[in-house]
């Protein structure tokens, strides 16, 4: 929506402004040591393959992508890897949680790397549809009631990141999935070593187009 795009553009502007400020302070503090990375510059974008998440990533990090504002189907490659990952998608409960086919997504987002999306048709939606029935017959939660399946997918999501070589990664996902990952210790997905980080990630839900920065280790 226009409101959503504006929120992304405001985030992009904040990232650009903060990056410039951080680099200036680093230059003053270190005598211009360019080896110190800025917190606000990312090496890689990993996104849910849901169209709304891909659009959020595109507009929020447009300052690091070689994409024209008026050409969303640009054939140019991004300056940094922009990778779609099935495991970081939204919890699959309702029709809005069914993703488009990978062929349709590749047509709309040719600058995104979809090589890790193994199925053209949404496999997670198909799994729960076969279990519960069509969306107009079964209208309650699906994956959100499947703790075992959610925990397994979340661990695969972190495993995907573990094998990336980049250090500063922008992870674009969804508030409901983040809630399960970061605020449900009984699932055994994350362990906090810092009280401030735990407070940051668990005290309140994610807002639309909100970014939080943490250091983590996948073990």
C-alpha atoms as a PDB file:
ATOM      1  CA  UNK A   1       0.000   0.000   0.000  1.00  0.00           C
ATOM      2  CA  UNK A   2       1.149   3.627  -0.342  1.00  0.00           C
ATOM      3  CA  UNK A   3       1.319   3.859   3.470  1.00  0.00           C
ATOM      4  CA  UNK A   4       3.483   0.735   3.628  1.00  0.00           C
ATOM      5  CA  UNK A   5       5.855   2.013   0.945  1.00  0.00           C
ATOM      6  CA  UNK A   6       6.170   5.326   2.803  1.00  0.00           C
ATOM      7  CA  UNK A   7       7.042   3.480   6.021  1.00  0.00           C
ATOM      8  CA  UNK A   8       9.745   1.562   4.148  1.00  0.00           C
ATOM      9  CA  UNK A   9      11.143   4.709   2.574  1.00  0.00           C
ATOM     10  CA  UNK A  10      11.311   6.420   5.977  1.00  0.00           C
ATOM     11  CA  UNK A  11      13.235   3.426   7.337  1.00  0.00           C
ATOM     12  CA  UNK A  12      15.573   3.555   4.348  1.00  0.00           C
ATOM     13  CA  UNK A  13      16.212   7.260   4.972  1.00  0.00           C
ATOM     14  CA  UNK A  14      16.959   6.612   8.653  1.00  0.00           C
ATOM     15  CA  UNK A  15      19.412   3.867   7.696  1.00  0.00           C
ATOM     16  CA  UNK A  16      21.178   6.155   5.229  1.00  0.00           C
ATOM     17  CA  UNK A  17      21.338   9.028   7.723  1.00  0.00           C
ATOM     18  CA  UNK A  18      22.550   6.808  10.572  1.00  0.00           C
ATOM     19  CA  UNK A  19      25.099   5.101   8.339  1.00  0.00           C
ATOM     20  CA  UNK A  20      26.592   8.434   7.326  1.00  0.00           C
ATOM     21  CA  UNK A  21      26.690   9.602  10.944  1.00  0.00           C
ATOM     22  CA  UNK A  22      28.290   6.349  12.143  1.00  0.00           C
ATOM     23  CA  UNK A  23      30.945   6.467   9.434  1.00  0.00           C
ATOM     24  CA  UNK A  24      31.766  10.080  10.251  1.00  0.00           C
ATOM     25  CA  UNK A  25      32.149   9.254  13.951  1.00  0.00           C
ATOM     26  CA  UNK A  26      34.255   6.197  13.109  1.00  0.00           C
ATOM     27  CA  UNK A  27      36.522   8.316  10.935  1.00  0.00           C
ATOM     28  CA  UNK A  28      37.032  10.819  13.750  1.00  0.00           C
ATOM     29  CA  UNK A  29      37.575   8.160  16.406  1.00  0.00           C
ATOM     30  CA  UNK A  30      39.959   5.960  14.414  1.00  0.00           C
ATOM     31  CA  UNK A  31      41.682   8.367  12.090  1.00  0.00           C
ATOM     32  CA  UNK A  32      39.739   7.091   9.099  1.00  0.00           C
ATOM     33  CA  UNK A  33      39.998   3.329   9.591  1.00  0.00           C
ATOM     34  CA  UNK A  34      37.743   2.087   6.788  1.00  0.00           C
ATOM     35  CA  UNK A  35      37.921  -1.515   8.028  1.00  0.00           C
ATOM     36  CA  UNK A  36      35.382  -0.825  10.762  1.00  0.00           C
ATOM     37  CA  UNK A  37      31.928  -1.851   9.534  1.00  0.00           C
ATOM     38  CA  UNK A  38      28.902   0.315  10.115  1.00  0.00           C
ATOM     39  CA  UNK A  39      26.005  -1.267  11.954  1.00  0.00           C
ATOM     40  CA  UNK A  40      23.665   0.289   9.431  1.00  0.00           C
ATOM     41  CA  UNK A  41      25.218  -1.227   6.279  1.00  0.00           C
ATOM     42  CA  UNK A  42      24.169  -4.805   5.619  1.00  0.00           C
ATOM     43  CA  UNK A  43      26.070  -7.427   3.633  1.00  0.00           C
ATOM     44  CA  UNK A  44      23.054  -9.494   2.687  1.00  0.00           C
ATOM     45  CA  UNK A  45      19.249  -9.373   2.699  1.00  0.00           C
ATOM     46  CA  UNK A  46      17.406 -12.573   3.567  1.00  0.00           C
ATOM     47  CA  UNK A  47      13.674 -12.304   3.076  1.00  0.00           C
ATOM     48  CA  UNK A  48      10.548 -14.323   3.450  1.00  0.00           C
ATOM     49  CA  UNK A  49       9.247 -15.226  -0.035  1.00  0.00           C
ATOM     50  CA  UNK A  50       5.864 -13.649   0.695  1.00  0.00           C
ATOM     51  CA  UNK A  51       5.268 -10.789  -1.719  1.00  0.00           C
ATOM     52  CA  UNK A  52       4.654  -8.253   1.067  1.00  0.00           C
ATOM     53  CA  UNK A  53       7.977  -9.141   2.689  1.00  0.00           C
ATOM     54  CA  UNK A  54       9.889  -8.912  -0.590  1.00  0.00           C
ATOM     55  CA  UNK A  55       8.359  -5.493  -1.225  1.00  0.00           C
ATOM     56  CA  UNK A  56       9.293  -4.392   2.303  1.00  0.00           C
ATOM     57  CA  UNK A  57      12.878  -5.507   1.774  1.00  0.00           C
ATOM     58  CA  UNK A  58      13.077  -3.834  -1.632  1.00  0.00           C
ATOM     59  CA  UNK A  59      11.850  -0.438  -0.443  1.00  0.00           C
ATOM     60  CA  UNK A  60      13.569  -0.466   2.960  1.00  0.00           C
ATOM     61  CA  UNK A  61      17.005  -1.263   1.538  1.00  0.00           C
ATOM     62  CA  UNK A  62      16.701   0.489  -1.799  1.00  0.00           C
ATOM     63  CA  UNK A  63      19.782   2.536  -0.841  1.00  0.00           C
ATOM     64  CA  UNK A  64      21.832  -0.680  -1.038  1.00  0.00           C
ATOM     65  CA  UNK A  65      20.186  -2.119  -4.136  1.00  0.00           C
ATOM     66  CA  UNK A  66      20.943  -1.025  -7.706  1.00  0.00           C
ATOM     67  CA  UNK A  67      17.243  -0.694  -8.486  1.00  0.00           C
ATOM     68  CA  UNK A  68      15.499   2.303  -9.975  1.00  0.00           C
ATOM     69  CA  UNK A  69      12.600   3.658  -7.922  1.00  0.00           C
ATOM     70  CA  UNK A  70      10.397   3.630 -11.018  1.00  0.00           C
ATOM     71  CA  UNK A  71      11.472   0.228 -12.299  1.00  0.00           C
ATOM     72  CA  UNK A  72      10.568  -2.529  -9.848  1.00  0.00           C
ATOM     73  CA  UNK A  73      11.266  -5.130 -12.542  1.00  0.00           C
ATOM     74  CA  UNK A  74      14.784  -3.926 -13.180  1.00  0.00           C
ATOM     75  CA  UNK A  75      17.029  -6.654 -14.553  1.00  0.00           C
ATOM     76  CA  UNK A  76      20.034  -5.197 -12.748  1.00  0.00           C
ATOM     77  CA  UNK A  77      21.576  -7.242  -9.972  1.00  0.00           C
ATOM     78  CA  UNK A  78      21.543  -5.810  -6.443  1.00  0.00           C
ATOM     79  CA  UNK A  79      24.783  -4.564  -4.930  1.00  0.00           C
ATOM     80  CA  UNK A  80      24.414  -7.153  -2.163  1.00  0.00           C
ATOM     81  CA  UNK A  81      22.828 -10.637  -2.110  1.00  0.00           C
ATOM     82  CA  UNK A  82      19.032 -10.498  -1.856  1.00  0.00           C
ATOM     83  CA  UNK A  83      17.908 -14.035  -1.032  1.00  0.00           C
ATOM     84  CA  UNK A  84      14.450 -15.530  -0.528  1.00  0.00           C
ATOM     85  CA  UNK A  85      14.194 -18.206   2.164  1.00  0.00           C
ATOM     86  CA  UNK A  86      11.061 -20.341   2.602  1.00  0.00           C
ATOM     87  CA  UNK A  87      11.738 -21.008   6.277  1.00  0.00           C
ATOM     88  CA  UNK A  88      11.540 -17.326   7.274  1.00  0.00           C
ATOM     89  CA  UNK A  89       8.003 -16.829   5.955  1.00  0.00           C
ATOM     90  CA  UNK A  90       4.899 -15.988   7.955  1.00  0.00           C
ATOM     91  CA  UNK A  91       3.058 -18.590  10.002  1.00  0.00           C
ATOM     92  CA  UNK A  92       0.673 -20.391   7.651  1.00  0.00           C
ATOM     93  CA  UNK A  93      -2.870 -20.076   8.980  1.00  0.00           C
ATOM     94  CA  UNK A  94      -5.124 -18.147   6.614  1.00  0.00           C
ATOM     95  CA  UNK A  95      -5.412 -17.576   2.875  1.00  0.00           C
ATOM     96  CA  UNK A  96      -3.291 -14.414   3.098  1.00  0.00           C
ATOM     97  CA  UNK A  97      -0.443 -16.634   4.319  1.00  0.00           C
ATOM     98  CA  UNK A  98      -0.324 -18.667   1.109  1.00  0.00           C
ATOM     99  CA  UNK A  99       2.582 -17.528  -1.046  1.00  0.00           C
ATOM    100  CA  UNK A 100       2.522 -17.033  -4.797  1.00  0.00           C
ATOM    101  CA  UNK A 101       4.165 -19.592  -7.036  1.00  0.00           C
ATOM    102  CA  UNK A 102       7.929 -19.217  -7.293  1.00  0.00           C
ATOM    103  CA  UNK A 103       7.560 -18.636 -11.045  1.00  0.00           C
ATOM    104  CA  UNK A 104       5.238 -15.675 -10.404  1.00  0.00           C
ATOM    105  CA  UNK A 105       7.564 -14.301  -7.738  1.00  0.00           C
ATOM    106  CA  UNK A 106      10.607 -14.548  -9.996  1.00  0.00           C
ATOM    107  CA  UNK A 107       8.712 -12.672 -12.686  1.00  0.00           C
ATOM    108  CA  UNK A 108       7.822  -9.853 -10.268  1.00  0.00           C
ATOM    109  CA  UNK A 109      11.184  -9.798  -8.459  1.00  0.00           C
ATOM    110  CA  UNK A 110      13.888 -10.777 -10.975  1.00  0.00           C
ATOM    111  CA  UNK A 111      16.589  -9.211  -8.784  1.00  0.00           C
ATOM    112  CA  UNK A 112      15.912 -11.670  -5.936  1.00  0.00           C
ATOM    113  CA  UNK A 113      17.722 -15.007  -5.627  1.00  0.00           C
ATOM    114  CA  UNK A 114      15.046 -17.731  -5.465  1.00  0.00           C
ATOM    115  CA  UNK A 115      17.337 -20.714  -5.915  1.00  0.00           C
ATOM    116  CA  UNK A 116      16.645 -21.904  -2.363  1.00  0.00           C
ATOM    117  CA  UNK A 117      12.868 -22.004  -2.952  1.00  0.00           C
ATOM    118  CA  UNK A 118      12.551 -25.644  -3.909  1.00  0.00           C
ATOM    119  CA  UNK A 119       8.842 -25.830  -4.766  1.00  0.00           C
ATOM    120  CA  UNK A 120       6.900 -23.754  -7.275  1.00  0.00           C
ATOM    121  CA  UNK A 121       3.608 -24.290  -5.437  1.00  0.00           C
ATOM    122  CA  UNK A 122       3.518 -23.431  -1.724  1.00  0.00           C
ATOM    123  CA  UNK A 123       4.406 -26.702   0.084  1.00  0.00           C
ATOM    124  CA  UNK A 124       3.529 -25.529   3.609  1.00  0.00           C
ATOM    125  CA  UNK A 125       0.079 -24.322   2.607  1.00  0.00           C
ATOM    126  CA  UNK A 126      -0.497 -27.586   0.734  1.00  0.00           C
ATOM    127  CA  UNK A 127       0.537 -29.567   3.831  1.00  0.00           C
ATOM    128  CA  UNK A 128      -1.982 -27.870   6.108  1.00  0.00           C
ATOM    129  CA  UNK A 129      -4.683 -27.748   3.440  1.00  0.00           C
ATOM    130  CA  UNK A 130      -4.476 -31.524   3.094  1.00  0.00           C
ATOM    131  CA  UNK A 131      -4.677 -31.819   6.880  1.00  0.00           C
ATOM    132  CA  UNK A 132      -7.459 -29.319   7.619  1.00  0.00           C
ATOM    133  CA  UNK A 133      -9.190 -28.674   4.303  1.00  0.00           C
ATOM    134  CA  UNK A 134      -9.726 -25.556   2.126  1.00  0.00           C
ATOM    135  CA  UNK A 135      -9.583 -22.074   3.656  1.00  0.00           C
ATOM    136  CA  UNK A 136     -13.337 -21.529   3.291  1.00  0.00           C
ATOM    137  CA  UNK A 137     -14.096 -24.789   5.125  1.00  0.00           C
ATOM    138  CA  UNK A 138     -11.550 -24.570   7.945  1.00  0.00           C
ATOM    139  CA  UNK A 139     -11.122 -20.993   9.179  1.00  0.00           C
ATOM    140  CA  UNK A 140      -9.143 -21.501  12.413  1.00  0.00           C
ATOM    141  CA  UNK A 141      -5.372 -21.485  12.943  1.00  0.00           C
ATOM    142  CA  UNK A 142      -3.257 -24.070  11.183  1.00  0.00           C
ATOM    143  CA  UNK A 143       0.514 -23.867  11.616  1.00  0.00           C
ATOM    144  CA  UNK A 144       0.278 -21.692  14.739  1.00  0.00           C
ATOM    145  CA  UNK A 145      -1.254 -24.668  16.519  1.00  0.00           C
ATOM    146  CA  UNK A 146       1.512 -27.008  15.391  1.00  0.00           C
ATOM    147  CA  UNK A 147       4.347 -26.347  17.857  1.00  0.00           C
ATOM    148  CA  UNK A 148       6.447 -29.236  16.603  1.00  0.00           C
ATOM    149  CA  UNK A 149       6.215 -28.114  12.978  1.00  0.00           C
ATOM    150  CA  UNK A 150       6.868 -24.472  13.869  1.00  0.00           C
ATOM    151  CA  UNK A 151       9.925 -25.308  15.953  1.00  0.00           C
ATOM    152  CA  UNK A 152      11.315 -27.504  13.190  1.00  0.00           C
ATOM    153  CA  UNK A 153      10.858 -24.770  10.577  1.00  0.00           C
ATOM    154  CA  UNK A 154      12.358 -22.096  12.836  1.00  0.00           C
ATOM    155  CA  UNK A 155      15.452 -24.207  13.456  1.00  0.00           C
ATOM    156  CA  UNK A 156      15.845 -24.719   9.707  1.00  0.00           C
ATOM    157  CA  UNK A 157      15.543 -20.944   9.277  1.00  0.00           C
ATOM    158  CA  UNK A 158      18.464 -20.356  11.643  1.00  0.00           C
ATOM    159  CA  UNK A 159      20.408 -23.161  10.002  1.00  0.00           C
ATOM    160  CA  UNK A 160      20.038 -21.334   6.691  1.00  0.00           C
ATOM    161  CA  UNK A 161      21.621 -18.233   8.194  1.00  0.00           C
ATOM    162  CA  UNK A 162      24.366 -20.296   9.807  1.00  0.00           C
ATOM    163  CA  UNK A 163      25.694 -21.246   6.384  1.00  0.00           C
ATOM    164  CA  UNK A 164      25.817 -17.687   5.057  1.00  0.00           C
ATOM    165  CA  UNK A 165      29.274 -16.119   4.903  1.00  0.00           C
ATOM    166  CA  UNK A 166      28.024 -12.565   5.547  1.00  0.00           C
ATOM    167  CA  UNK A 167      28.249 -10.973   9.000  1.00  0.00           C
ATOM    168  CA  UNK A 168      25.698  -8.126   8.858  1.00  0.00           C
ATOM    169  CA  UNK A 169      22.427  -9.649   7.666  1.00  0.00           C
ATOM    170  CA  UNK A 170      19.081  -7.924   7.233  1.00  0.00           C
ATOM    171  CA  UNK A 171      16.362 -10.462   7.994  1.00  0.00           C
ATOM    172  CA  UNK A 172      12.938  -9.522   6.635  1.00  0.00           C
ATOM    173  CA  UNK A 173      10.181 -11.687   8.064  1.00  0.00           C
ATOM    174  CA  UNK A 174       6.829 -11.342   9.848  1.00  0.00           C
ATOM    175  CA  UNK A 175       5.690 -10.347  13.329  1.00  0.00           C
ATOM    176  CA  UNK A 176       3.754 -13.543  14.073  1.00  0.00           C
ATOM    177  CA  UNK A 177       6.660 -15.785  13.103  1.00  0.00           C
ATOM    178  CA  UNK A 178       9.075 -13.585  15.068  1.00  0.00           C
ATOM    179  CA  UNK A 179       6.751 -13.937  18.075  1.00  0.00           C
ATOM    180  CA  UNK A 180       7.050 -17.719  17.978  1.00  0.00           C
ATOM    181  CA  UNK A 181      10.818 -17.585  17.420  1.00  0.00           C
ATOM    182  CA  UNK A 182      11.782 -14.996  20.033  1.00  0.00           C
ATOM    183  CA  UNK A 183       9.140 -15.099  22.774  1.00  0.00           C
ATOM    184  CA  UNK A 184       8.342 -18.794  23.257  1.00  0.00           C
ATOM    185  CA  UNK A 185      11.185 -20.431  25.201  1.00  0.00           C
ATOM    186  CA  UNK A 186       9.234 -23.682  25.412  1.00  0.00           C
ATOM    187  CA  UNK A 187       9.922 -24.223  21.706  1.00  0.00           C
ATOM    188  CA  UNK A 188      13.666 -24.256  22.360  1.00  0.00           C
ATOM    189  CA  UNK A 189      14.539 -22.053  19.380  1.00  0.00           C
ATOM    190  CA  UNK A 190      16.621 -19.269  20.929  1.00  0.00           C
ATOM    191  CA  UNK A 191      18.546 -18.795  24.176  1.00  0.00           C
ATOM    192  CA  UNK A 192      19.316 -15.309  25.476  1.00  0.00           C
ATOM    193  CA  UNK A 193      22.687 -14.511  27.022  1.00  0.00           C
ATOM    194  CA  UNK A 194      21.919 -10.833  27.617  1.00  0.00           C
ATOM    195  CA  UNK A 195      18.965  -9.443  29.578  1.00  0.00           C
ATOM    196  CA  UNK A 196      18.790  -6.264  27.502  1.00  0.00           C
ATOM    197  CA  UNK A 197      18.594  -8.243  24.263  1.00  0.00           C
ATOM    198  CA  UNK A 198      15.906 -10.492  25.741  1.00  0.00           C
ATOM    199  CA  UNK A 199      13.929  -7.436  26.793  1.00  0.00           C
ATOM    200  CA  UNK A 200      14.315  -5.899  23.338  1.00  0.00           C
ATOM    201  CA  UNK A 201      13.057  -9.019  21.564  1.00  0.00           C
ATOM    202  CA  UNK A 202      10.291 -10.124  23.933  1.00  0.00           C
ATOM    203  CA  UNK A 203       8.797  -7.098  25.672  1.00  0.00           C
ATOM    204  CA  UNK A 204       6.503  -6.014  22.833  1.00  0.00           C
ATOM    205  CA  UNK A 205       5.425  -7.234  19.380  1.00  0.00           C
ATOM    206  CA  UNK A 206       7.117  -6.016  16.221  1.00  0.00           C
ATOM    207  CA  UNK A 207       5.505  -3.029  14.558  1.00  0.00           C
ATOM    208  CA  UNK A 208       5.084  -2.782  10.797  1.00  0.00           C
ATOM    209  CA  UNK A 209       8.436  -2.026   9.132  1.00  0.00           C
ATOM    210  CA  UNK A 210      10.278  -1.967  12.452  1.00  0.00           C
ATOM    211  CA  UNK A 211      13.949  -2.921  12.579  1.00  0.00           C
ATOM    212  CA  UNK A 212      15.783  -4.263  15.620  1.00  0.00           C
ATOM    213  CA  UNK A 213      19.527  -5.012  15.655  1.00  0.00           C
ATOM    214  CA  UNK A 214      21.038  -7.849  17.651  1.00  0.00           C
ATOM    215  CA  UNK A 215      24.192  -9.944  17.677  1.00  0.00           C
ATOM    216  CA  UNK A 216      23.600 -13.686  17.558  1.00  0.00           C
ATOM    217  CA  UNK A 217      25.390 -16.984  17.174  1.00  0.00           C
ATOM    218  CA  UNK A 218      23.853 -20.058  15.568  1.00  0.00           C
ATOM    219  CA  UNK A 219      25.088 -23.177  17.340  1.00  0.00           C
END
